N, C-alpha and C. Protein backbone atom coordinates (compact mmCIF):
# COMPACT_ATOMS: atom_id res chain seq x y z
N MET A 1 -17.15 87.89 -129.69
CA MET A 1 -18.39 88.11 -130.41
C MET A 1 -18.14 88.05 -131.92
N LYS A 2 -19.04 87.41 -132.65
CA LYS A 2 -18.87 87.28 -134.09
C LYS A 2 -19.01 88.63 -134.78
N PHE A 3 -18.26 88.77 -135.87
CA PHE A 3 -18.30 89.99 -136.66
C PHE A 3 -19.39 89.83 -137.72
N ASN A 4 -20.61 90.29 -137.42
CA ASN A 4 -21.71 90.17 -138.37
C ASN A 4 -22.66 91.35 -138.21
N GLU A 5 -23.75 91.33 -138.97
CA GLU A 5 -24.69 92.45 -138.93
C GLU A 5 -25.29 92.64 -137.55
N ASP A 6 -25.62 91.55 -136.87
CA ASP A 6 -26.23 91.65 -135.55
C ASP A 6 -25.29 92.30 -134.55
N SER A 7 -24.06 91.81 -134.48
CA SER A 7 -23.14 92.28 -133.45
C SER A 7 -22.62 93.68 -133.73
N ARG A 8 -22.44 94.02 -135.01
CA ARG A 8 -21.80 95.29 -135.36
C ARG A 8 -22.77 96.44 -135.61
N VAL A 9 -24.02 96.12 -135.96
CA VAL A 9 -24.95 97.20 -136.31
C VAL A 9 -26.31 97.03 -135.62
N LYS A 10 -26.92 95.87 -135.74
CA LYS A 10 -28.28 95.68 -135.24
C LYS A 10 -28.38 95.83 -133.72
N ILE A 11 -27.56 95.11 -132.98
CA ILE A 11 -27.63 95.17 -131.52
C ILE A 11 -27.28 96.57 -131.01
N PRO A 12 -26.22 97.23 -131.52
CA PRO A 12 -25.96 98.61 -131.09
C PRO A 12 -27.14 99.54 -131.37
N ALA A 13 -27.82 99.34 -132.51
CA ALA A 13 -28.98 100.18 -132.83
C ALA A 13 -30.11 99.95 -131.83
N LEU A 14 -30.38 98.70 -131.52
CA LEU A 14 -31.43 98.38 -130.55
C LEU A 14 -31.12 98.95 -129.17
N LEU A 15 -29.86 98.83 -128.76
CA LEU A 15 -29.47 99.36 -127.45
C LEU A 15 -29.61 100.87 -127.40
N HIS A 16 -29.26 101.52 -128.51
CA HIS A 16 -29.37 102.98 -128.57
C HIS A 16 -30.84 103.40 -128.48
N LEU A 17 -31.69 102.72 -129.21
CA LEU A 17 -33.12 103.02 -129.16
C LEU A 17 -33.69 102.77 -127.77
N ALA A 18 -33.26 101.71 -127.14
CA ALA A 18 -33.72 101.42 -125.78
C ALA A 18 -33.30 102.53 -124.82
N ARG A 19 -32.08 103.05 -124.99
CA ARG A 19 -31.63 104.16 -124.14
C ARG A 19 -32.45 105.41 -124.38
N LEU A 20 -32.98 105.55 -125.59
CA LEU A 20 -33.81 106.71 -125.91
C LEU A 20 -35.23 106.56 -125.38
N GLY A 21 -35.56 105.37 -124.87
CA GLY A 21 -36.87 105.17 -124.27
C GLY A 21 -37.81 104.26 -125.02
N TYR A 22 -37.32 103.58 -126.06
CA TYR A 22 -38.16 102.65 -126.81
C TYR A 22 -38.22 101.31 -126.08
N THR A 23 -39.42 100.76 -125.98
CA THR A 23 -39.63 99.48 -125.31
C THR A 23 -39.52 98.35 -126.33
N TYR A 24 -38.73 97.35 -125.99
CA TYR A 24 -38.51 96.23 -126.91
C TYR A 24 -39.63 95.21 -126.79
N ILE A 25 -40.13 94.76 -127.95
CA ILE A 25 -41.13 93.70 -128.03
C ILE A 25 -40.45 92.48 -128.64
N SER A 26 -40.43 91.38 -127.92
CA SER A 26 -39.80 90.17 -128.43
C SER A 26 -40.62 89.59 -129.58
N ARG A 27 -39.99 88.76 -130.38
CA ARG A 27 -40.66 88.16 -131.54
C ARG A 27 -41.83 87.29 -131.12
N SER A 28 -41.76 86.72 -129.92
CA SER A 28 -42.84 85.85 -129.45
C SER A 28 -44.08 86.64 -129.01
N LYS A 29 -43.94 87.97 -128.93
CA LYS A 29 -45.06 88.81 -128.47
C LYS A 29 -45.45 89.83 -129.53
N GLN A 30 -45.24 89.50 -130.78
CA GLN A 30 -45.61 90.39 -131.88
C GLN A 30 -47.09 90.20 -132.23
N PHE A 31 -47.96 90.63 -131.33
CA PHE A 31 -49.39 90.48 -131.53
C PHE A 31 -49.91 91.67 -132.33
N ARG A 32 -50.17 91.45 -133.62
CA ARG A 32 -50.54 92.56 -134.48
C ARG A 32 -51.52 92.10 -135.54
N LEU A 33 -52.07 93.09 -136.27
CA LEU A 33 -52.93 92.79 -137.41
C LEU A 33 -52.02 92.46 -138.59
N GLU A 34 -52.08 91.27 -139.09
CA GLU A 34 -51.16 90.85 -140.13
C GLU A 34 -51.32 91.66 -141.40
N GLU A 35 -52.51 92.19 -141.66
CA GLU A 35 -52.75 92.92 -142.91
C GLU A 35 -51.97 94.22 -142.99
N ASN A 36 -51.62 94.83 -141.82
CA ASN A 36 -50.89 96.10 -141.87
C ASN A 36 -49.84 96.24 -140.76
N ASN A 37 -49.70 95.22 -139.93
CA ASN A 37 -48.72 95.19 -138.84
C ASN A 37 -48.95 96.22 -137.75
N ILE A 38 -50.17 96.72 -137.63
CA ILE A 38 -50.51 97.57 -136.49
C ILE A 38 -50.71 96.67 -135.27
N PHE A 39 -50.06 97.02 -134.18
CA PHE A 39 -50.24 96.30 -132.92
C PHE A 39 -51.51 96.85 -132.27
N SER A 40 -52.62 96.17 -132.47
CA SER A 40 -53.92 96.72 -132.15
C SER A 40 -54.09 97.05 -130.67
N ASP A 41 -53.57 96.21 -129.77
CA ASP A 41 -53.72 96.49 -128.33
C ASP A 41 -52.97 97.76 -127.94
N ILE A 42 -51.74 97.90 -128.46
CA ILE A 42 -50.95 99.11 -128.17
C ILE A 42 -51.62 100.33 -128.79
N PHE A 43 -52.10 100.16 -130.03
CA PHE A 43 -52.79 101.25 -130.72
C PHE A 43 -53.97 101.75 -129.90
N LYS A 44 -54.83 100.83 -129.47
CA LYS A 44 -56.05 101.23 -128.75
C LYS A 44 -55.72 101.90 -127.43
N GLU A 45 -54.75 101.36 -126.70
CA GLU A 45 -54.36 101.96 -125.42
C GLU A 45 -53.76 103.35 -125.63
N SER A 46 -52.91 103.48 -126.64
CA SER A 46 -52.25 104.76 -126.90
C SER A 46 -53.24 105.81 -127.38
N ILE A 47 -54.12 105.43 -128.30
CA ILE A 47 -55.09 106.38 -128.82
C ILE A 47 -56.05 106.84 -127.73
N SER A 48 -56.45 105.92 -126.84
CA SER A 48 -57.31 106.28 -125.72
C SER A 48 -56.60 107.25 -124.79
N ASN A 49 -55.29 107.08 -124.65
CA ASN A 49 -54.51 107.95 -123.77
C ASN A 49 -54.42 109.37 -124.30
N ILE A 50 -54.22 109.51 -125.63
CA ILE A 50 -54.07 110.86 -126.18
C ILE A 50 -55.40 111.47 -126.63
N ASN A 51 -56.45 110.64 -126.65
CA ASN A 51 -57.80 111.13 -126.98
C ASN A 51 -58.76 110.61 -125.91
N PRO A 52 -58.66 111.11 -124.67
CA PRO A 52 -59.45 110.55 -123.57
C PRO A 52 -60.96 110.69 -123.74
N GLU A 53 -61.37 111.55 -124.65
CA GLU A 53 -62.81 111.74 -124.86
C GLU A 53 -63.44 110.62 -125.67
N LEU A 54 -62.62 109.77 -126.30
CA LEU A 54 -63.15 108.70 -127.14
C LEU A 54 -63.56 107.49 -126.31
N SER A 55 -64.66 106.86 -126.70
CA SER A 55 -65.08 105.61 -126.08
C SER A 55 -64.27 104.47 -126.69
N SER A 56 -64.34 103.31 -126.07
CA SER A 56 -63.61 102.16 -126.61
C SER A 56 -64.13 101.79 -127.99
N GLY A 57 -65.44 101.95 -128.18
CA GLY A 57 -66.02 101.68 -129.49
C GLY A 57 -65.52 102.62 -130.55
N GLU A 58 -65.35 103.88 -130.19
CA GLU A 58 -64.86 104.88 -131.14
C GLU A 58 -63.39 104.62 -131.49
N VAL A 59 -62.62 104.15 -130.53
CA VAL A 59 -61.22 103.82 -130.80
C VAL A 59 -61.14 102.63 -131.75
N THR A 60 -61.99 101.65 -131.54
CA THR A 60 -62.04 100.49 -132.45
C THR A 60 -62.43 100.93 -133.85
N LYS A 61 -63.39 101.83 -133.94
CA LYS A 61 -63.82 102.35 -135.24
C LYS A 61 -62.68 103.11 -135.92
N LEU A 62 -61.90 103.84 -135.13
CA LEU A 62 -60.76 104.57 -135.69
C LEU A 62 -59.74 103.61 -136.27
N LEU A 63 -59.47 102.52 -135.57
CA LEU A 63 -58.54 101.51 -136.08
C LEU A 63 -59.04 100.93 -137.40
N GLU A 64 -60.33 100.68 -137.48
CA GLU A 64 -60.91 100.17 -138.73
C GLU A 64 -60.76 101.19 -139.85
N ASP A 65 -60.94 102.47 -139.53
CA ASP A 65 -60.82 103.53 -140.53
C ASP A 65 -59.39 103.64 -141.03
N VAL A 66 -58.42 103.57 -140.11
CA VAL A 66 -57.01 103.62 -140.49
C VAL A 66 -56.66 102.43 -141.39
N SER A 67 -57.12 101.25 -141.00
CA SER A 67 -56.84 100.03 -141.78
C SER A 67 -57.42 100.15 -143.19
N PHE A 68 -58.59 100.76 -143.30
CA PHE A 68 -59.22 100.96 -144.61
C PHE A 68 -58.41 101.93 -145.47
N LYS A 69 -57.96 103.04 -144.87
CA LYS A 69 -57.19 104.04 -145.61
C LYS A 69 -55.88 103.46 -146.15
N LEU A 70 -55.30 102.54 -145.41
CA LEU A 70 -54.02 101.97 -145.82
C LEU A 70 -54.13 101.10 -147.06
N LYS A 71 -55.34 100.79 -147.48
CA LYS A 71 -55.55 99.99 -148.68
C LYS A 71 -55.73 100.84 -149.93
N ASN A 72 -55.73 102.17 -149.75
CA ASN A 72 -55.95 103.08 -150.87
C ASN A 72 -54.79 103.06 -151.87
N ASP A 73 -55.09 103.36 -153.11
CA ASP A 73 -54.07 103.49 -154.15
C ASP A 73 -53.63 104.96 -154.26
N ASP A 74 -53.14 105.50 -153.15
CA ASP A 74 -52.80 106.93 -153.12
C ASP A 74 -51.42 107.18 -152.55
N LEU A 75 -50.57 106.14 -152.52
CA LEU A 75 -49.22 106.25 -151.96
C LEU A 75 -49.24 106.69 -150.50
N GLY A 76 -50.35 106.42 -149.81
CA GLY A 76 -50.43 106.71 -148.39
C GLY A 76 -50.78 108.14 -148.04
N ARG A 77 -51.23 108.93 -149.02
CA ARG A 77 -51.51 110.35 -148.76
C ARG A 77 -52.63 110.54 -147.74
N ASP A 78 -53.73 109.79 -147.88
CA ASP A 78 -54.86 109.95 -146.98
C ASP A 78 -54.46 109.58 -145.55
N PHE A 79 -53.70 108.48 -145.42
CA PHE A 79 -53.24 108.09 -144.08
C PHE A 79 -52.29 109.14 -143.51
N PHE A 80 -51.41 109.69 -144.35
CA PHE A 80 -50.47 110.70 -143.88
C PHE A 80 -51.20 111.93 -143.33
N LYS A 81 -52.25 112.34 -144.02
CA LYS A 81 -53.04 113.48 -143.54
C LYS A 81 -53.63 113.19 -142.17
N GLN A 82 -54.15 111.98 -142.01
CA GLN A 82 -54.72 111.60 -140.73
C GLN A 82 -53.64 111.48 -139.66
N LEU A 83 -52.50 110.96 -140.03
CA LEU A 83 -51.40 110.77 -139.09
C LEU A 83 -50.88 112.10 -138.56
N THR A 84 -50.82 113.11 -139.41
CA THR A 84 -50.24 114.40 -139.04
C THR A 84 -51.26 115.41 -138.57
N ASN A 85 -52.51 115.00 -138.46
CA ASN A 85 -53.56 115.90 -137.99
C ASN A 85 -53.29 116.33 -136.56
N THR A 86 -53.37 117.62 -136.30
CA THR A 86 -53.10 118.15 -134.97
C THR A 86 -54.34 118.68 -134.28
N SER A 87 -55.50 118.52 -134.90
CA SER A 87 -56.75 118.93 -134.27
C SER A 87 -57.75 117.79 -134.38
N GLY A 88 -58.71 117.77 -133.48
CA GLY A 88 -59.67 116.68 -133.48
C GLY A 88 -59.03 115.40 -132.97
N ILE A 89 -59.45 114.26 -133.52
CA ILE A 89 -58.89 112.98 -133.12
C ILE A 89 -57.45 112.86 -133.63
N LYS A 90 -56.54 112.50 -132.75
CA LYS A 90 -55.12 112.44 -133.10
C LYS A 90 -54.61 111.00 -133.08
N LEU A 91 -53.78 110.69 -134.07
CA LEU A 91 -53.06 109.41 -134.06
C LEU A 91 -51.73 109.57 -133.34
N ILE A 92 -51.19 110.79 -133.33
CA ILE A 92 -49.96 111.12 -132.63
C ILE A 92 -50.17 112.44 -131.90
N ASP A 93 -49.74 112.50 -130.65
CA ASP A 93 -49.83 113.73 -129.87
C ASP A 93 -48.56 114.54 -130.13
N PHE A 94 -48.67 115.57 -130.97
CA PHE A 94 -47.52 116.40 -131.29
C PHE A 94 -47.31 117.49 -130.26
N ASP A 95 -48.33 117.81 -129.49
CA ASP A 95 -48.21 118.85 -128.47
C ASP A 95 -47.42 118.36 -127.26
N ASP A 96 -47.66 117.12 -126.88
CA ASP A 96 -46.94 116.50 -125.76
C ASP A 96 -46.42 115.16 -126.26
N PHE A 97 -45.24 115.19 -126.88
CA PHE A 97 -44.78 113.99 -127.58
C PHE A 97 -44.50 112.83 -126.64
N GLU A 98 -44.18 113.11 -125.40
CA GLU A 98 -43.94 112.03 -124.44
C GLU A 98 -45.23 111.30 -124.09
N ASN A 99 -46.35 111.85 -124.52
CA ASN A 99 -47.65 111.23 -124.28
C ASN A 99 -47.90 110.04 -125.20
N ASN A 100 -47.05 109.87 -126.20
CA ASN A 100 -47.18 108.76 -127.14
C ASN A 100 -46.42 107.54 -126.61
N SER A 101 -46.63 106.40 -127.25
CA SER A 101 -45.90 105.19 -126.86
C SER A 101 -44.91 104.82 -127.96
N PHE A 102 -43.75 104.29 -127.57
CA PHE A 102 -42.68 104.00 -128.50
C PHE A 102 -42.15 102.59 -128.25
N HIS A 103 -42.15 101.78 -129.31
CA HIS A 103 -41.70 100.40 -129.20
C HIS A 103 -40.80 100.05 -130.39
N ILE A 104 -40.00 99.03 -130.19
CA ILE A 104 -39.18 98.47 -131.27
C ILE A 104 -39.31 96.95 -131.23
N THR A 105 -39.16 96.34 -132.38
CA THR A 105 -39.15 94.89 -132.47
C THR A 105 -38.27 94.48 -133.65
N THR A 106 -37.90 93.22 -133.71
CA THR A 106 -37.02 92.75 -134.77
C THR A 106 -37.68 91.66 -135.60
N GLU A 107 -37.27 91.59 -136.86
CA GLU A 107 -37.72 90.53 -137.76
C GLU A 107 -39.24 90.41 -137.82
N LEU A 108 -39.93 91.55 -137.80
CA LEU A 108 -41.38 91.54 -137.94
C LEU A 108 -41.74 91.19 -139.38
N THR A 109 -42.62 90.22 -139.57
CA THR A 109 -42.97 89.77 -140.92
C THR A 109 -43.98 90.71 -141.56
N TYR A 110 -43.62 91.23 -142.72
CA TYR A 110 -44.53 92.00 -143.56
C TYR A 110 -45.04 91.02 -144.62
N LYS A 111 -46.31 90.65 -144.52
CA LYS A 111 -46.79 89.51 -145.31
C LYS A 111 -48.13 89.81 -145.98
N ASN A 112 -48.23 89.38 -147.23
CA ASN A 112 -49.50 89.40 -147.96
C ASN A 112 -49.52 88.17 -148.85
N GLY A 113 -50.32 87.18 -148.46
CA GLY A 113 -50.36 85.94 -149.22
C GLY A 113 -49.03 85.23 -149.16
N GLU A 114 -48.47 84.95 -150.34
CA GLU A 114 -47.18 84.27 -150.40
C GLU A 114 -46.01 85.25 -150.37
N GLU A 115 -46.29 86.54 -150.44
CA GLU A 115 -45.24 87.55 -150.47
C GLU A 115 -44.93 88.02 -149.05
N GLU A 116 -43.65 88.08 -148.70
CA GLU A 116 -43.29 88.56 -147.37
C GLU A 116 -41.83 89.01 -147.32
N PHE A 117 -41.54 89.90 -146.36
CA PHE A 117 -40.17 90.26 -146.03
C PHE A 117 -40.15 90.66 -144.56
N ARG A 118 -38.95 90.69 -143.97
CA ARG A 118 -38.80 90.96 -142.54
C ARG A 118 -37.67 91.98 -142.33
N PRO A 119 -38.01 93.25 -142.11
CA PRO A 119 -36.97 94.24 -141.82
C PRO A 119 -36.22 93.87 -140.53
N ASP A 120 -34.99 94.31 -140.43
CA ASP A 120 -34.19 94.00 -139.24
C ASP A 120 -34.81 94.58 -137.98
N ILE A 121 -35.22 95.85 -138.04
CA ILE A 121 -35.82 96.52 -136.88
C ILE A 121 -37.04 97.29 -137.36
N THR A 122 -38.14 97.17 -136.63
CA THR A 122 -39.33 97.97 -136.91
C THR A 122 -39.59 98.88 -135.72
N VAL A 123 -39.84 100.16 -135.99
CA VAL A 123 -40.11 101.15 -134.96
C VAL A 123 -41.60 101.46 -134.97
N LEU A 124 -42.21 101.32 -133.80
CA LEU A 124 -43.65 101.55 -133.65
C LEU A 124 -43.91 102.82 -132.85
N ILE A 125 -44.78 103.66 -133.34
CA ILE A 125 -45.26 104.80 -132.58
C ILE A 125 -46.77 104.62 -132.41
N ASN A 126 -47.19 104.53 -131.16
CA ASN A 126 -48.59 104.25 -130.83
C ASN A 126 -49.09 102.98 -131.52
N GLY A 127 -48.21 102.00 -131.59
CA GLY A 127 -48.57 100.70 -132.15
C GLY A 127 -48.54 100.63 -133.66
N MET A 128 -48.21 101.74 -134.33
CA MET A 128 -48.18 101.77 -135.79
C MET A 128 -46.73 101.63 -136.29
N PRO A 129 -46.47 100.71 -137.22
CA PRO A 129 -45.11 100.49 -137.72
C PRO A 129 -44.73 101.56 -138.74
N LEU A 130 -44.29 102.71 -138.24
CA LEU A 130 -44.04 103.86 -139.11
C LEU A 130 -42.64 103.90 -139.69
N VAL A 131 -41.72 103.16 -139.09
CA VAL A 131 -40.31 103.22 -139.50
C VAL A 131 -39.74 101.81 -139.48
N PHE A 132 -38.90 101.49 -140.47
CA PHE A 132 -38.09 100.29 -140.31
C PHE A 132 -36.64 100.57 -140.66
N ILE A 133 -35.78 99.77 -140.06
CA ILE A 133 -34.33 99.94 -140.19
C ILE A 133 -33.72 98.67 -140.73
N GLU A 134 -32.96 98.79 -141.80
CA GLU A 134 -32.22 97.66 -142.35
C GLU A 134 -30.74 97.89 -142.07
N VAL A 135 -30.06 96.86 -141.58
CA VAL A 135 -28.64 97.00 -141.26
C VAL A 135 -27.81 96.06 -142.13
N LYS A 136 -26.60 96.49 -142.40
CA LYS A 136 -25.68 95.68 -143.18
C LYS A 136 -24.32 95.67 -142.49
N LYS A 137 -23.61 94.58 -142.64
CA LYS A 137 -22.29 94.44 -142.05
C LYS A 137 -21.35 95.49 -142.63
N PRO A 138 -20.50 96.09 -141.81
CA PRO A 138 -19.52 97.06 -142.33
C PRO A 138 -18.63 96.43 -143.40
N ASN A 139 -18.12 97.30 -144.28
CA ASN A 139 -17.21 96.87 -145.36
C ASN A 139 -17.86 95.86 -146.30
N ASN A 140 -19.15 96.03 -146.49
CA ASN A 140 -19.90 95.15 -147.39
C ASN A 140 -20.64 96.03 -148.39
N LYS A 141 -19.89 96.57 -149.35
CA LYS A 141 -20.43 97.53 -150.31
C LYS A 141 -21.62 96.96 -151.06
N GLN A 142 -21.53 95.74 -151.54
CA GLN A 142 -22.60 95.16 -152.33
C GLN A 142 -23.86 94.93 -151.50
N GLY A 143 -23.68 94.72 -150.18
CA GLY A 143 -24.82 94.48 -149.32
C GLY A 143 -25.80 95.64 -149.30
N VAL A 144 -25.28 96.86 -149.25
CA VAL A 144 -26.13 98.05 -149.24
C VAL A 144 -26.84 98.19 -150.58
N ILE A 145 -26.13 97.98 -151.66
CA ILE A 145 -26.72 98.09 -152.99
C ILE A 145 -27.81 97.04 -153.19
N ASP A 146 -27.53 95.81 -152.78
CA ASP A 146 -28.52 94.74 -152.92
C ASP A 146 -29.77 95.04 -152.09
N GLU A 147 -29.58 95.59 -150.90
CA GLU A 147 -30.73 95.91 -150.04
C GLU A 147 -31.59 96.98 -150.68
N ARG A 148 -30.95 97.99 -151.23
CA ARG A 148 -31.69 99.06 -151.90
C ARG A 148 -32.50 98.49 -153.07
N ASN A 149 -31.90 97.62 -153.86
CA ASN A 149 -32.61 97.02 -154.99
C ASN A 149 -33.78 96.16 -154.53
N ARG A 150 -33.58 95.43 -153.44
CA ARG A 150 -34.67 94.59 -152.93
C ARG A 150 -35.85 95.44 -152.47
N ILE A 151 -35.57 96.52 -151.75
CA ILE A 151 -36.65 97.38 -151.27
C ILE A 151 -37.38 98.03 -152.43
N ASN A 152 -36.65 98.46 -153.44
CA ASN A 152 -37.30 99.03 -154.62
C ASN A 152 -38.24 98.03 -155.28
N ARG A 153 -37.82 96.79 -155.39
CA ARG A 153 -38.69 95.77 -155.98
C ARG A 153 -39.92 95.52 -155.10
N ARG A 154 -39.71 95.45 -153.80
CA ARG A 154 -40.83 95.19 -152.90
C ARG A 154 -41.88 96.29 -152.96
N PHE A 155 -41.41 97.53 -153.01
CA PHE A 155 -42.36 98.64 -152.93
C PHE A 155 -43.03 98.95 -154.27
N THR A 156 -42.66 98.23 -155.32
CA THR A 156 -43.45 98.29 -156.55
C THR A 156 -44.40 97.11 -156.64
N ASN A 157 -44.35 96.22 -155.65
CA ASN A 157 -45.20 95.04 -155.60
C ASN A 157 -46.54 95.42 -154.97
N ALA A 158 -47.63 95.24 -155.69
CA ALA A 158 -48.96 95.60 -155.19
C ALA A 158 -49.31 94.88 -153.90
N ALA A 159 -48.71 93.72 -153.68
CA ALA A 159 -49.00 92.95 -152.47
C ALA A 159 -48.56 93.70 -151.22
N PHE A 160 -47.59 94.61 -151.37
CA PHE A 160 -47.08 95.34 -150.22
C PHE A 160 -47.62 96.77 -150.15
N LYS A 161 -48.69 97.06 -150.87
CA LYS A 161 -49.25 98.41 -150.91
C LYS A 161 -49.56 98.96 -149.52
N THR A 162 -50.19 98.16 -148.69
CA THR A 162 -50.55 98.61 -147.34
C THR A 162 -49.31 98.99 -146.55
N PHE A 163 -48.26 98.20 -146.67
CA PHE A 163 -47.03 98.48 -145.93
C PHE A 163 -46.30 99.69 -146.51
N THR A 164 -46.40 99.87 -147.82
CA THR A 164 -45.84 101.08 -148.44
C THR A 164 -46.54 102.31 -147.90
N ASN A 165 -47.86 102.23 -147.76
CA ASN A 165 -48.64 103.37 -147.32
C ASN A 165 -48.40 103.74 -145.86
N ILE A 166 -48.15 102.75 -145.01
CA ILE A 166 -47.99 103.06 -143.58
C ILE A 166 -46.56 103.44 -143.23
N THR A 167 -45.59 103.03 -144.03
CA THR A 167 -44.18 103.31 -143.72
C THR A 167 -43.84 104.76 -144.05
N GLN A 168 -43.40 105.49 -143.04
CA GLN A 168 -43.07 106.90 -143.22
C GLN A 168 -41.57 107.15 -143.43
N LEU A 169 -40.76 106.24 -142.96
CA LEU A 169 -39.32 106.43 -143.08
C LEU A 169 -38.63 105.07 -143.06
N MET A 170 -37.63 104.92 -143.93
CA MET A 170 -36.79 103.73 -143.95
C MET A 170 -35.35 104.18 -143.72
N ILE A 171 -34.67 103.47 -142.84
CA ILE A 171 -33.29 103.82 -142.51
C ILE A 171 -32.39 102.64 -142.85
N PHE A 172 -31.25 102.93 -143.44
CA PHE A 172 -30.29 101.91 -143.84
C PHE A 172 -28.93 102.29 -143.27
N SER A 173 -28.28 101.35 -142.59
CA SER A 173 -27.01 101.68 -141.97
C SER A 173 -26.06 100.48 -141.98
N ASN A 174 -24.78 100.76 -142.26
CA ASN A 174 -23.74 99.75 -142.06
C ASN A 174 -22.73 100.22 -141.02
N ASN A 175 -23.13 101.27 -140.27
CA ASN A 175 -22.35 101.76 -139.12
C ASN A 175 -20.92 102.14 -139.53
N MET A 176 -20.81 102.80 -140.68
CA MET A 176 -19.50 103.23 -141.15
C MET A 176 -19.47 104.74 -141.40
N GLU A 177 -18.29 105.26 -141.55
CA GLU A 177 -18.13 106.67 -141.90
C GLU A 177 -18.50 106.87 -143.36
N TYR A 178 -18.96 108.07 -143.68
CA TYR A 178 -19.32 108.38 -145.06
C TYR A 178 -18.10 108.56 -145.94
N GLU A 179 -18.29 108.32 -147.23
CA GLU A 179 -17.29 108.65 -148.23
C GLU A 179 -17.60 110.03 -148.79
N ASP A 180 -16.69 110.94 -148.68
CA ASP A 180 -16.92 112.30 -149.19
C ASP A 180 -16.97 112.30 -150.71
N GLY A 181 -17.92 113.07 -151.26
CA GLY A 181 -17.99 113.28 -152.69
C GLY A 181 -18.56 112.14 -153.49
N VAL A 182 -19.17 111.16 -152.83
CA VAL A 182 -19.73 110.02 -153.54
C VAL A 182 -21.20 110.30 -153.85
N ILE A 183 -21.56 110.21 -155.13
CA ILE A 183 -22.93 110.52 -155.54
C ILE A 183 -23.89 109.40 -155.14
N ASP A 184 -23.47 108.16 -155.32
CA ASP A 184 -24.31 107.01 -155.00
C ASP A 184 -23.76 106.37 -153.72
N PRO A 185 -24.24 106.79 -152.55
CA PRO A 185 -23.61 106.38 -151.30
C PRO A 185 -23.85 104.91 -150.95
N VAL A 186 -22.80 104.27 -150.43
CA VAL A 186 -22.93 102.88 -149.98
C VAL A 186 -22.32 102.69 -148.59
N TYR A 187 -21.70 103.72 -148.03
CA TYR A 187 -21.15 103.63 -146.69
C TYR A 187 -21.80 104.68 -145.81
N GLY A 188 -22.14 104.30 -144.59
CA GLY A 188 -22.72 105.24 -143.65
C GLY A 188 -24.14 104.88 -143.30
N ALA A 189 -24.94 105.89 -143.03
CA ALA A 189 -26.34 105.69 -142.67
C ALA A 189 -27.20 106.60 -143.55
N PHE A 190 -28.29 106.08 -144.05
CA PHE A 190 -29.12 106.81 -145.01
C PHE A 190 -30.59 106.60 -144.67
N TYR A 191 -31.40 107.56 -145.08
CA TYR A 191 -32.83 107.39 -144.90
C TYR A 191 -33.52 107.51 -146.25
N ALA A 192 -34.72 106.98 -146.34
CA ALA A 192 -35.45 107.01 -147.60
C ALA A 192 -36.94 107.05 -147.32
N THR A 193 -37.68 107.61 -148.25
CA THR A 193 -39.14 107.55 -148.23
C THR A 193 -39.58 107.01 -149.58
N SER A 194 -40.75 106.45 -149.61
CA SER A 194 -41.25 105.89 -150.87
C SER A 194 -42.01 106.96 -151.65
N ALA A 195 -41.84 106.95 -152.97
CA ALA A 195 -42.56 107.87 -153.85
C ALA A 195 -42.64 107.22 -155.23
N ASN A 196 -43.86 106.97 -155.67
CA ASN A 196 -44.07 106.33 -156.97
C ASN A 196 -43.35 104.99 -157.07
N GLY A 197 -43.22 104.32 -155.92
CA GLY A 197 -42.67 102.97 -155.92
C GLY A 197 -41.15 102.91 -155.92
N ASN A 198 -40.48 104.06 -155.91
CA ASN A 198 -39.01 104.05 -155.90
C ASN A 198 -38.50 104.82 -154.70
N LEU A 199 -37.39 104.39 -154.17
CA LEU A 199 -36.83 105.03 -153.00
C LEU A 199 -36.01 106.25 -153.37
N HIS A 200 -36.19 107.27 -152.56
CA HIS A 200 -35.38 108.48 -152.71
C HIS A 200 -34.43 108.53 -151.53
N PHE A 201 -33.15 108.28 -151.78
CA PHE A 201 -32.17 108.19 -150.70
C PHE A 201 -31.55 109.55 -150.41
N ASN A 202 -31.30 109.78 -149.15
CA ASN A 202 -30.64 111.00 -148.72
C ASN A 202 -29.62 110.66 -147.65
N TYR A 203 -28.64 111.53 -147.53
CA TYR A 203 -27.69 111.36 -146.44
C TYR A 203 -28.39 111.68 -145.12
N LEU A 204 -28.01 110.98 -144.09
CA LEU A 204 -28.48 111.28 -142.74
C LEU A 204 -27.25 111.30 -141.85
N GLU A 205 -27.05 112.41 -141.18
CA GLU A 205 -25.86 112.51 -140.35
C GLU A 205 -25.79 111.33 -139.39
N LYS A 206 -24.65 110.72 -139.33
CA LYS A 206 -24.51 109.50 -138.52
C LYS A 206 -24.91 109.74 -137.08
N LYS A 207 -24.59 110.89 -136.54
CA LYS A 207 -24.89 111.15 -135.14
C LYS A 207 -26.39 111.25 -134.90
N LYS A 208 -27.17 111.41 -135.99
CA LYS A 208 -28.61 111.55 -135.85
C LYS A 208 -29.38 110.32 -136.33
N ILE A 209 -28.68 109.28 -136.73
CA ILE A 209 -29.32 108.17 -137.40
C ILE A 209 -30.44 107.54 -136.57
N LEU A 210 -30.28 107.51 -135.26
CA LEU A 210 -31.30 106.86 -134.45
C LEU A 210 -31.92 107.81 -133.43
N ILE A 211 -31.85 109.08 -133.72
CA ILE A 211 -32.52 110.03 -132.82
C ILE A 211 -33.98 110.11 -133.25
N LEU A 212 -34.74 109.16 -132.80
CA LEU A 212 -36.16 109.10 -133.05
C LEU A 212 -36.87 109.47 -131.75
N PRO A 213 -38.10 109.94 -131.76
CA PRO A 213 -39.08 110.02 -132.84
C PRO A 213 -38.64 110.93 -134.00
N ILE A 214 -39.26 110.66 -135.14
CA ILE A 214 -38.83 111.31 -136.36
C ILE A 214 -39.61 112.57 -136.66
N TYR A 215 -40.72 112.80 -135.99
CA TYR A 215 -41.56 113.93 -136.37
C TYR A 215 -41.19 115.18 -135.57
């Protein structure tokens, strides 16, 4: 097997997620709303499952409301409030977490006009792309730094506002051990959230890097 990002990091990550119960969606079956990458069929089925009192029309209206909120200039605050709501209509069932649906896919295109990028792995909860994972080949120090710089540039780009608002967690891994005492980490696995267009990186224990769901 070739020594590259796929063989050393990406495929092991996908296999681990599959063992945790995530269903893989092939690239040929990435049927989603291009404006925000919500997989509408999965979303509607999942929301109906955790909110059985809703009619199909009400579920469709909810999807339209979520899509509208994701266009706000609020760094995703309004969507986050709706996402974490535990009473009334729920986007995620926090009381019975197994009641939600979990999927993964690779190379999903995040696109707005001529601007686009494709994270290595996208994690979907109830059809919503809440997490993405970028992987880098081990022993490639500059690769991690370059990826961080690219994400910072993308998330200051207004064209990606909707994707900034829906993304709750970004994970970066080169499947290596951490360097002790390093302020600016480049080896290991890290997570980040967006705030004011810049990434805030934190250490994430390697043994927990793919223990999702994240909530």
